[in-house]
Every structure is written in C-alpha cells, then in structure tokens.
Amino acid sequence: MRVSFLDTPVDVLTLQETIEVAVDAMRSRRRVRHVAMNVAKLVKMRSDSVLRGDVLKSDIIGIDGAGIVLGARLQGIPVPGRVAGIDLMEALLQECAQKGFKPYFLGAKEDVIQKAVAVARRRFPGLNFAGMRNGYFNTDQEAEIVAQINASGADCLFIGMPTPRKERFLAAYAESLHPPFLMGVGGSLDVLAGQVSRAPEAMQRFGLEWLHRLLQEPRRMAWRYVSTNTVFAVLLFGAILGGYSKRAT
C-alpha cells in the first residue's frame, strides 16, 4: 500500500511482503526497482530535485528508518515496522541460494566486496554469484559496467553506493539493466563483509541503530544526524499541528 508521508510517497510493506515481490519479479522477469527511505534521504529530497525524481521513479519505496516509522504512526499511518535494507538483502540472498537465482554485487571497495561475497557464500550454502564489481568507477565506464552486469545473467542487482549516487545510477540505467530486481543497499555490503557492525538486536528493536552508528563514527555521523533530524522534527511537528488544525475546523 502506497501512502503519502510528509509529501513523500512510501510503501507500507512488511519484510515478507517485500521479499515476495522481489522473488516474483525474478521469476517473472518483471523489472522492480527498490529504494530504501530513511530520515536523511527524505530531508535531502526536499532540496535535491534530481534525487527526488530518481526516488519517485522506483517501484517500491521501502521504509528503512525508525524515524519514518515513528513519524508515520504519529500521523495515523499504520506502519507495521521498518524493512531494513540489510535485512532485505540478506533475506533475498537466502532466497537466491534456495531457488537458484544469481545476485550481482556492485559497489564498495575491492577488498570489501570480495569479503562480502565470501561471507555470503559461507552463510548461504549453494549461493551462486553472477558477478561483482567495486564502486570505484567514473561515468565514462558506466555503460561498460551495465553491459557486464547484463552479460552475467544476474537475477538481482545490489548496489552498495551512497546516496544520491546509487539512486542516480539506477534511474539512469533501470531500463537498460537486465536483472529484474534492482536495489540500492548503501553500506550493507560493508556490514555483510564485517567492516561495520550492526547494532545489537535490542537497539534495533527500539529503533536505536542510529545511536550505534553515531558511537562508531561520531565525527562523520554527528552533523548528519543533527542537521537532518532537526529538519525532520520540524516538518513532522508542523504536519501534526496542521492535522490537528484541520480536525478542529
């Protein structure tokens, strides 16, 4: 179910529902492009019209962020929970191992992507990769990389690059790429490779993964959280007040 939250469309789906859509896309060869929505991206989209356009072209705009879940619920939108990109990617790797689909990893550093592939093969016996390519390339190489991905016979493509680069790449080449399921996974390849740790399950349940990341990378993450979360809080507060005002009249 697609709804509007702070003037941004998001899809209210569970993890299992999203998995089913992705598997159906791979079986039917019907292209589905997935993008994960969090607070930082929602805020950035308000000042970056190119990013907004790229995101809005996606077939699934998944809710990946405790702030989005909380904010949506405060506005009366029945969100069952977040669908974390890393959880979705790992679940789909398991599906690939069981059903014979072949994933392709694009992004991260060469040593990181090599580790991520090795870990995935170890964790999901029977997993057969179509291929991999690090994320260090320029725009002149993109057409060649798309051709390599297509030639690999991949059923799904996971792009481990930062925003807005992964959204721009997917928007530019979605119609040219042959893998039916396309997904930007940000730093999930680093997590899979063990370069970055996930928050303990208790912190995940209470929506505190952001705090875990802040403690891991205080210099890089502090300003991002302060700036984007402040803007998000103002937007949400204004929307809630506006809702109360409408109901009172």
C-alpha atoms as a PDB file:
ATOM      1  CA  MET A   1       0.000   0.000   0.000  1.00  0.00           C
ATOM      2  CA  ARG A   2       1.485   3.336  -1.066  1.00  0.00           C
ATOM      3  CA  VAL A   3       0.789   6.317   1.175  1.00  0.00           C
ATOM      4  CA  SER A   4       1.998   9.911   1.398  1.00  0.00           C
ATOM      5  CA  PHE A   5       4.140  10.908   4.363  1.00  0.00           C
ATOM      6  CA  LEU A   6       5.371  14.493   4.605  1.00  0.00           C
ATOM      7  CA  ASP A   7       4.630  14.894   0.890  1.00  0.00           C
ATOM      8  CA  THR A   8       6.754  11.842   0.110  1.00  0.00           C
ATOM      9  CA  PRO A   9       5.301   8.538  -1.141  1.00  0.00           C
ATOM     10  CA  VAL A  10       6.274   5.431   0.827  1.00  0.00           C
ATOM     11  CA  ASP A  11       5.123   1.823   0.586  1.00  0.00           C
ATOM     12  CA  VAL A  12       3.724   0.208   3.713  1.00  0.00           C
ATOM     13  CA  LEU A  13       5.048  -3.336   3.332  1.00  0.00           C
ATOM     14  CA  THR A  14       6.364  -5.954   5.722  1.00  0.00           C
ATOM     15  CA  LEU A  15       9.703  -7.654   5.168  1.00  0.00           C
ATOM     16  CA  GLN A  16       7.948 -10.812   3.986  1.00  0.00           C
ATOM     17  CA  GLU A  17       5.721  -8.912   1.567  1.00  0.00           C
ATOM     18  CA  THR A  18       8.755  -7.175   0.083  1.00  0.00           C
ATOM     19  CA  ILE A  19      10.584 -10.484  -0.292  1.00  0.00           C
ATOM     20  CA  GLU A  20       7.587 -11.932  -2.134  1.00  0.00           C
ATOM     21  CA  VAL A  21       7.501  -9.006  -4.576  1.00  0.00           C
ATOM     22  CA  ALA A  22      11.225  -9.377  -5.262  1.00  0.00           C
ATOM     23  CA  VAL A  23      11.055 -13.142  -5.782  1.00  0.00           C
ATOM     24  CA  ASP A  24       8.059 -12.761  -8.081  1.00  0.00           C
ATOM     25  CA  ALA A  25       9.999 -10.181 -10.105  1.00  0.00           C
ATOM     26  CA  MET A  26      12.911 -12.584 -10.517  1.00  0.00           C
ATOM     27  CA  ARG A  27      10.616 -15.440 -11.512  1.00  0.00           C
ATOM     28  CA  SER A  28       8.548 -13.444 -13.995  1.00  0.00           C
ATOM     29  CA  ARG A  29      11.473 -11.297 -15.222  1.00  0.00           C
ATOM     30  CA  ARG A  30       9.365  -8.232 -14.490  1.00  0.00           C
ATOM     31  CA  ARG A  31      11.579  -5.321 -13.503  1.00  0.00           C
ATOM     32  CA  VAL A  32      11.138  -3.975  -9.975  1.00  0.00           C
ATOM     33  CA  ARG A  33      13.302  -1.176  -8.607  1.00  0.00           C
ATOM     34  CA  HIS A  34      13.541  -0.828  -4.812  1.00  0.00           C
ATOM     35  CA  VAL A  35      14.743   2.194  -2.866  1.00  0.00           C
ATOM     36  CA  ALA A  36      15.013   2.449   0.911  1.00  0.00           C
ATOM     37  CA  MET A  37      13.673   5.568   2.606  1.00  0.00           C
ATOM     38  CA  ASN A  38      15.128   6.977   5.797  1.00  0.00           C
ATOM     39  CA  VAL A  39      15.080  10.366   7.514  1.00  0.00           C
ATOM     40  CA  ALA A  40      18.283  11.638   5.899  1.00  0.00           C
ATOM     41  CA  LYS A  41      17.070  10.785   2.405  1.00  0.00           C
ATOM     42  CA  LEU A  42      13.606  12.229   2.964  1.00  0.00           C
ATOM     43  CA  VAL A  43      15.127  15.524   4.126  1.00  0.00           C
ATOM     44  CA  LYS A  44      17.689  15.616   1.285  1.00  0.00           C
ATOM     45  CA  MET A  45      14.959  15.042  -1.291  1.00  0.00           C
ATOM     46  CA  ARG A  46      13.326  18.333  -0.302  1.00  0.00           C
ATOM     47  CA  SER A  47      16.318  20.316  -1.570  1.00  0.00           C
ATOM     48  CA  ASP A  48      17.556  17.937  -4.272  1.00  0.00           C
ATOM     49  CA  SER A  49      15.027  17.732  -7.091  1.00  0.00           C
ATOM     50  CA  VAL A  50      17.132  15.223  -9.067  1.00  0.00           C
ATOM     51  CA  LEU A  51      17.259  12.826  -6.116  1.00  0.00           C
ATOM     52  CA  ARG A  52      13.540  13.267  -5.549  1.00  0.00           C
ATOM     53  CA  GLY A  53      12.801  12.456  -9.166  1.00  0.00           C
ATOM     54  CA  ASP A  54      15.048   9.387  -9.050  1.00  0.00           C
ATOM     55  CA  VAL A  55      13.372   8.078  -5.891  1.00  0.00           C
ATOM     56  CA  LEU A  56       9.840   8.680  -7.137  1.00  0.00           C
ATOM     57  CA  LYS A  57      10.511   6.544 -10.221  1.00  0.00           C
ATOM     58  CA  SER A  58      11.095   3.500  -8.004  1.00  0.00           C
ATOM     59  CA  ASP A  59       8.538   0.695  -7.886  1.00  0.00           C
ATOM     60  CA  ILE A  60       8.999   0.168  -4.134  1.00  0.00           C
ATOM     61  CA  ILE A  61       9.884   2.967  -1.724  1.00  0.00           C
ATOM     62  CA  GLY A  62      10.504   0.911   1.377  1.00  0.00           C
ATOM     63  CA  ILE A  63      10.525   2.293   4.910  1.00  0.00           C
ATOM     64  CA  ASP A  64      14.046   1.810   6.256  1.00  0.00           C
ATOM     65  CA  GLY A  65      14.340   4.077   9.260  1.00  0.00           C
ATOM     66  CA  ALA A  66      12.875   4.151  12.760  1.00  0.00           C
ATOM     67  CA  GLY A  67      12.188   7.865  12.405  1.00  0.00           C
ATOM     68  CA  ILE A  68       9.963   7.287   9.386  1.00  0.00           C
ATOM     69  CA  VAL A  69       8.078   4.522  11.215  1.00  0.00           C
ATOM     70  CA  LEU A  70       7.512   6.687  14.299  1.00  0.00           C
ATOM     71  CA  GLY A  71       6.579   9.763  12.300  1.00  0.00           C
ATOM     72  CA  ALA A  72       4.130   7.856  10.119  1.00  0.00           C
ATOM     73  CA  ARG A  73       2.465   6.296  13.144  1.00  0.00           C
ATOM     74  CA  LEU A  74       2.122   9.717  14.774  1.00  0.00           C
ATOM     75  CA  GLN A  75       0.206  10.772  11.671  1.00  0.00           C
ATOM     76  CA  GLY A  76      -2.080   7.764  11.869  1.00  0.00           C
ATOM     77  CA  ILE A  77      -0.428   5.732   9.112  1.00  0.00           C
ATOM     78  CA  PRO A  78      -0.455   2.026  10.114  1.00  0.00           C
ATOM     79  CA  VAL A  79       3.181   1.079   9.534  1.00  0.00           C
ATOM     80  CA  PRO A  80       3.941  -2.457  10.802  1.00  0.00           C
ATOM     81  CA  GLY A  81       7.657  -1.718  11.151  1.00  0.00           C
ATOM     82  CA  ARG A  82      10.789  -0.873   9.225  1.00  0.00           C
ATOM     83  CA  VAL A  83      12.240  -3.015   6.481  1.00  0.00           C
ATOM     84  CA  ALA A  84      15.976  -2.546   6.953  1.00  0.00           C
ATOM     85  CA  GLY A  85      17.949  -2.731   3.730  1.00  0.00           C
ATOM     86  CA  ILE A  86      20.494  -5.142   5.188  1.00  0.00           C
ATOM     87  CA  ASP A  87      17.717  -7.483   6.384  1.00  0.00           C
ATOM     88  CA  LEU A  88      16.027  -7.443   2.984  1.00  0.00           C
ATOM     89  CA  MET A  89      19.286  -8.029   1.121  1.00  0.00           C
ATOM     90  CA  GLU A  90      20.269 -10.958   3.337  1.00  0.00           C
ATOM     91  CA  ALA A  91      16.791 -12.479   3.080  1.00  0.00           C
ATOM     92  CA  LEU A  92      16.972 -12.261  -0.703  1.00  0.00           C
ATOM     93  CA  LEU A  93      20.426 -13.827  -0.747  1.00  0.00           C
ATOM     94  CA  GLN A  94      18.897 -16.737   1.146  1.00  0.00           C
ATOM     95  CA  GLU A  95      16.097 -16.925  -1.438  1.00  0.00           C
ATOM     96  CA  CYS A  96      18.682 -16.895  -4.214  1.00  0.00           C
ATOM     97  CA  ALA A  97      20.578 -19.767  -2.606  1.00  0.00           C
ATOM     98  CA  GLN A  98      17.399 -21.812  -2.230  1.00  0.00           C
ATOM     99  CA  LYS A  99      15.819 -21.045  -5.604  1.00  0.00           C
ATOM    100  CA  GLY A 100      18.869 -20.821  -7.851  1.00  0.00           C
ATOM    101  CA  PHE A 101      18.739 -17.082  -8.559  1.00  0.00           C
ATOM    102  CA  LYS A 102      22.054 -15.327  -9.116  1.00  0.00           C
ATOM    103  CA  PRO A 103      22.861 -11.984  -7.440  1.00  0.00           C
ATOM    104  CA  TYR A 104      25.343  -9.346  -8.556  1.00  0.00           C
ATOM    105  CA  PHE A 105      27.138  -7.005  -6.128  1.00  0.00           C
ATOM    106  CA  LEU A 106      28.134  -3.533  -7.324  1.00  0.00           C
ATOM    107  CA  GLY A 107      29.843  -1.057  -5.021  1.00  0.00           C
ATOM    108  CA  ALA A 108      32.182  -0.691  -2.035  1.00  0.00           C
ATOM    109  CA  LYS A 109      35.964  -1.117  -2.118  1.00  0.00           C
ATOM    110  CA  GLU A 110      37.515  -4.115  -3.862  1.00  0.00           C
ATOM    111  CA  ASP A 111      38.602  -5.831  -0.649  1.00  0.00           C
ATOM    112  CA  VAL A 112      35.222  -5.185   0.959  1.00  0.00           C
ATOM    113  CA  ILE A 113      33.203  -6.602  -1.919  1.00  0.00           C
ATOM    114  CA  GLN A 114      35.458  -9.669  -2.050  1.00  0.00           C
ATOM    115  CA  LYS A 115      34.851 -10.242   1.675  1.00  0.00           C
ATOM    116  CA  ALA A 116      31.102  -9.640   1.288  1.00  0.00           C
ATOM    117  CA  VAL A 117      30.866 -12.272  -1.434  1.00  0.00           C
ATOM    118  CA  ALA A 118      32.901 -14.754   0.613  1.00  0.00           C
ATOM    119  CA  VAL A 119      30.724 -14.209   3.693  1.00  0.00           C
ATOM    120  CA  ALA A 120      27.526 -14.551   1.668  1.00  0.00           C
ATOM    121  CA  ARG A 121      28.705 -17.826   0.136  1.00  0.00           C
ATOM    122  CA  ARG A 122      29.575 -19.161   3.570  1.00  0.00           C
ATOM    123  CA  ARG A 123      26.324 -18.078   5.192  1.00  0.00           C
ATOM    124  CA  PHE A 124      24.047 -19.160   2.345  1.00  0.00           C
ATOM    125  CA  PRO A 125      25.224 -22.553   1.024  1.00  0.00           C
ATOM    126  CA  GLY A 126      24.522 -23.051  -2.646  1.00  0.00           C
ATOM    127  CA  LEU A 127      24.577 -19.335  -3.441  1.00  0.00           C
ATOM    128  CA  ASN A 128      25.947 -18.746  -6.937  1.00  0.00           C
ATOM    129  CA  PHE A 129      27.002 -15.189  -7.748  1.00  0.00           C
ATOM    130  CA  ALA A 130      26.582 -13.824 -11.245  1.00  0.00           C
ATOM    131  CA  GLY A 131      29.398 -11.378 -10.587  1.00  0.00           C
ATOM    132  CA  MET A 132      30.749  -8.437  -8.635  1.00  0.00           C
ATOM    133  CA  ARG A 133      32.323  -5.045  -9.308  1.00  0.00           C
ATOM    134  CA  ASN A 134      33.683  -2.456  -6.889  1.00  0.00           C
ATOM    135  CA  GLY A 135      32.133   1.003  -6.811  1.00  0.00           C
ATOM    136  CA  TYR A 136      35.194   2.938  -7.898  1.00  0.00           C
ATOM    137  CA  PHE A 137      34.460   3.953 -11.458  1.00  0.00           C
ATOM    138  CA  ASN A 138      33.638   7.131 -13.346  1.00  0.00           C
ATOM    139  CA  THR A 139      30.683   7.964 -15.560  1.00  0.00           C
ATOM    140  CA  ASP A 140      32.621   7.062 -18.718  1.00  0.00           C
ATOM    141  CA  GLN A 141      32.781   3.446 -17.502  1.00  0.00           C
ATOM    142  CA  GLU A 142      29.108   3.087 -16.606  1.00  0.00           C
ATOM    143  CA  ALA A 143      27.875   1.806 -19.978  1.00  0.00           C
ATOM    144  CA  GLU A 144      30.568  -0.885 -19.956  1.00  0.00           C
ATOM    145  CA  ILE A 145      29.627  -1.901 -16.411  1.00  0.00           C
ATOM    146  CA  VAL A 146      25.956  -2.152 -17.360  1.00  0.00           C
ATOM    147  CA  ALA A 147      26.933  -4.397 -20.267  1.00  0.00           C
ATOM    148  CA  GLN A 148      28.989  -6.587 -17.919  1.00  0.00           C
ATOM    149  CA  ILE A 149      26.082  -6.918 -15.498  1.00  0.00           C
ATOM    150  CA  ASN A 150      23.715  -7.832 -18.316  1.00  0.00           C
ATOM    151  CA  ALA A 151      26.121 -10.395 -19.730  1.00  0.00           C
ATOM    152  CA  SER A 152      26.438 -12.044 -16.303  1.00  0.00           C
ATOM    153  CA  GLY A 153      22.853 -13.292 -16.341  1.00  0.00           C
ATOM    154  CA  ALA A 154      22.164 -11.824 -12.902  1.00  0.00           C
ATOM    155  CA  ASP A 155      18.648 -12.092 -11.472  1.00  0.00           C
ATOM    156  CA  CYS A 156      19.095  -9.308  -8.919  1.00  0.00           C
ATOM    157  CA  LEU A 157      21.474  -6.386  -8.529  1.00  0.00           C
ATOM    158  CA  PHE A 158      22.500  -4.935  -5.153  1.00  0.00           C
ATOM    159  CA  ILE A 159      24.213  -1.552  -5.369  1.00  0.00           C
ATOM    160  CA  GLY A 160      26.349  -0.637  -2.382  1.00  0.00           C
ATOM    161  CA  MET A 161      26.970   3.037  -3.057  1.00  0.00           C
ATOM    162  CA  PRO A 162      25.976   6.162  -1.106  1.00  0.00           C
ATOM    163  CA  THR A 163      23.020   8.450  -1.742  1.00  0.00           C
ATOM    164  CA  PRO A 164      22.474  10.054  -4.232  1.00  0.00           C
ATOM    165  CA  ARG A 165      24.933   8.094  -6.406  1.00  0.00           C
ATOM    166  CA  LYS A 166      23.105   4.761  -6.271  1.00  0.00           C
ATOM    167  CA  GLU A 167      19.713   6.373  -6.954  1.00  0.00           C
ATOM    168  CA  ARG A 168      21.188   8.263  -9.923  1.00  0.00           C
ATOM    169  CA  PHE A 169      22.772   5.103 -11.348  1.00  0.00           C
ATOM    170  CA  LEU A 170      19.529   3.129 -11.040  1.00  0.00           C
ATOM    171  CA  ALA A 171      17.428   5.906 -12.540  1.00  0.00           C
ATOM    172  CA  ALA A 172      19.835   6.341 -15.441  1.00  0.00           C
ATOM    173  CA  TYR A 173      20.097   2.644 -16.313  1.00  0.00           C
ATOM    174  CA  ALA A 174      16.935   0.984 -14.988  1.00  0.00           C
ATOM    175  CA  GLU A 175      15.587   0.474 -18.496  1.00  0.00           C
ATOM    176  CA  SER A 176      18.913  -0.881 -19.760  1.00  0.00           C
ATOM    177  CA  LEU A 177      19.724  -3.264 -16.917  1.00  0.00           C
ATOM    178  CA  HIS A 178      18.569  -6.868 -17.406  1.00  0.00           C
ATOM    179  CA  PRO A 179      18.386  -8.082 -13.769  1.00  0.00           C
ATOM    180  CA  PRO A 180      14.678  -7.873 -12.896  1.00  0.00           C
ATOM    181  CA  PHE A 181      15.148  -6.875  -9.253  1.00  0.00           C
ATOM    182  CA  LEU A 182      17.268  -3.783  -8.625  1.00  0.00           C
ATOM    183  CA  MET A 183      18.049  -2.487  -5.169  1.00  0.00           C
ATOM    184  CA  GLY A 184      20.299   0.147  -3.637  1.00  0.00           C
ATOM    185  CA  VAL A 185      21.769  -1.164  -0.388  1.00  0.00           C
ATOM    186  CA  GLY A 186      24.072   1.674   0.694  1.00  0.00           C
ATOM    187  CA  GLY A 187      26.553   0.449   3.292  1.00  0.00           C
ATOM    188  CA  SER A 188      25.059  -3.033   3.583  1.00  0.00           C
ATOM    189  CA  LEU A 189      28.000  -4.603   1.749  1.00  0.00           C
ATOM    190  CA  ASP A 190      30.314  -3.175   4.417  1.00  0.00           C
ATOM    191  CA  VAL A 191      28.094  -4.700   7.105  1.00  0.00           C
ATOM    192  CA  LEU A 192      27.969  -8.076   5.358  1.00  0.00           C
ATOM    193  CA  ALA A 193      31.756  -8.025   4.988  1.00  0.00           C
ATOM    194  CA  GLY A 194      32.177  -7.310   8.690  1.00  0.00           C
ATOM    195  CA  GLN A 195      33.737  -3.895   8.131  1.00  0.00           C
ATOM    196  CA  VAL A 196      30.923  -2.205  10.033  1.00  0.00           C
ATOM    197  CA  SER A 197      28.967  -3.841  12.838  1.00  0.00           C
ATOM    198  CA  ARG A 198      25.198  -3.733  13.233  1.00  0.00           C
ATOM    199  CA  ALA A 199      23.593  -2.572  16.442  1.00  0.00           C
ATOM    200  CA  PRO A 200      22.661  -5.243  18.984  1.00  0.00           C
ATOM    201  CA  GLU A 201      19.168  -6.663  18.464  1.00  0.00           C
ATOM    202  CA  ALA A 202      17.817  -4.799  21.488  1.00  0.00           C
ATOM    203  CA  MET A 203      18.901  -1.474  19.978  1.00  0.00           C
ATOM    204  CA  GLN A 204      17.374  -2.480  16.644  1.00  0.00           C
ATOM    205  CA  ARG A 205      14.035  -3.286  18.278  1.00  0.00           C
ATOM    206  CA  PHE A 206      13.898   0.127  19.932  1.00  0.00           C
ATOM    207  CA  GLY A 207      14.954   1.996  16.793  1.00  0.00           C
ATOM    208  CA  LEU A 208      18.378   2.944  18.151  1.00  0.00           C
ATOM    209  CA  GLU A 209      20.605   1.785  15.308  1.00  0.00           C
ATOM    210  CA  TRP A 210      21.346   5.438  14.607  1.00  0.00           C
ATOM    211  CA  LEU A 211      22.913   5.710  18.090  1.00  0.00           C
ATOM    212  CA  HIS A 212      25.090   2.673  17.416  1.00  0.00           C
ATOM    213  CA  ARG A 213      26.320   4.240  14.167  1.00  0.00           C
ATOM    214  CA  LEU A 214      26.945   7.543  15.936  1.00  0.00           C
ATOM    215  CA  LEU A 215      29.075   5.812  18.557  1.00  0.00           C
ATOM    216  CA  GLN A 216      31.010   4.007  15.807  1.00  0.00           C
ATOM    217  CA  GLU A 217      31.601   7.057  13.599  1.00  0.00           C
ATOM    218  CA  PRO A 218      30.990  10.165  15.732  1.00  0.00           C
ATOM    219  CA  ARG A 219      32.842  12.637  13.521  1.00  0.00           C
ATOM    220  CA  ARG A 220      31.134  11.566  10.297  1.00  0.00           C
ATOM    221  CA  MET A 221      27.638  10.927  11.626  1.00  0.00           C
ATOM    222  CA  ALA A 222      27.129  13.645  14.259  1.00  0.00           C
ATOM    223  CA  TRP A 223      26.475  16.540  11.889  1.00  0.00           C
ATOM    224  CA  ARG A 224      24.322  14.389   9.596  1.00  0.00           C
ATOM    225  CA  TYR A 225      22.046  13.349  12.441  1.00  0.00           C
ATOM    226  CA  VAL A 226      21.857  16.809  13.994  1.00  0.00           C
ATOM    227  CA  SER A 227      21.069  18.561  10.719  1.00  0.00           C
ATOM    228  CA  THR A 228      18.662  16.079   9.133  1.00  0.00           C
ATOM    229  CA  ASN A 229      16.880  15.037  12.327  1.00  0.00           C
ATOM    230  CA  THR A 230      16.257  18.651  13.274  1.00  0.00           C
ATOM    231  CA  VAL A 231      14.691  19.424   9.901  1.00  0.00           C
ATOM    232  CA  PHE A 232      12.663  16.203  10.077  1.00  0.00           C
ATOM    233  CA  ALA A 233      11.379  17.042  13.577  1.00  0.00           C
ATOM    234  CA  VAL A 234      10.257  20.497  12.415  1.00  0.00           C
ATOM    235  CA  LEU A 235       8.491  19.050   9.366  1.00  0.00           C
ATOM    236  CA  LEU A 236       6.765  16.359  11.409  1.00  0.00           C
ATOM    237  CA  PHE A 237       5.702  18.782  14.142  1.00  0.00           C
ATOM    238  CA  GLY A 238       4.258  21.116  11.524  1.00  0.00           C
ATOM    239  CA  ALA A 239       2.365  18.281   9.847  1.00  0.00           C
ATOM    240  CA  ILE A 240       0.930  17.084  13.167  1.00  0.00           C
ATOM    241  CA  LEU A 241      -0.176  20.610  14.098  1.00  0.00           C
ATOM    242  CA  GLY A 242      -1.693  21.015  10.658  1.00  0.00           C
ATOM    243  CA  GLY A 243      -3.621  17.790  11.142  1.00  0.00           C
ATOM    244  CA  TYR A 244      -4.944  18.917  14.492  1.00  0.00           C
ATOM    245  CA  SER A 245      -5.945  22.261  12.962  1.00  0.00           C
ATOM    246  CA  LYS A 246      -7.891  20.592  10.139  1.00  0.00           C
ATOM    247  CA  ARG A 247      -9.742  18.329  12.559  1.00  0.00           C
ATOM    248  CA  ALA A 248     -10.649  21.275  14.763  1.00  0.00           C
ATOM    249  CA  THR A 249     -12.296  23.222  11.954  1.00  0.00           C
END
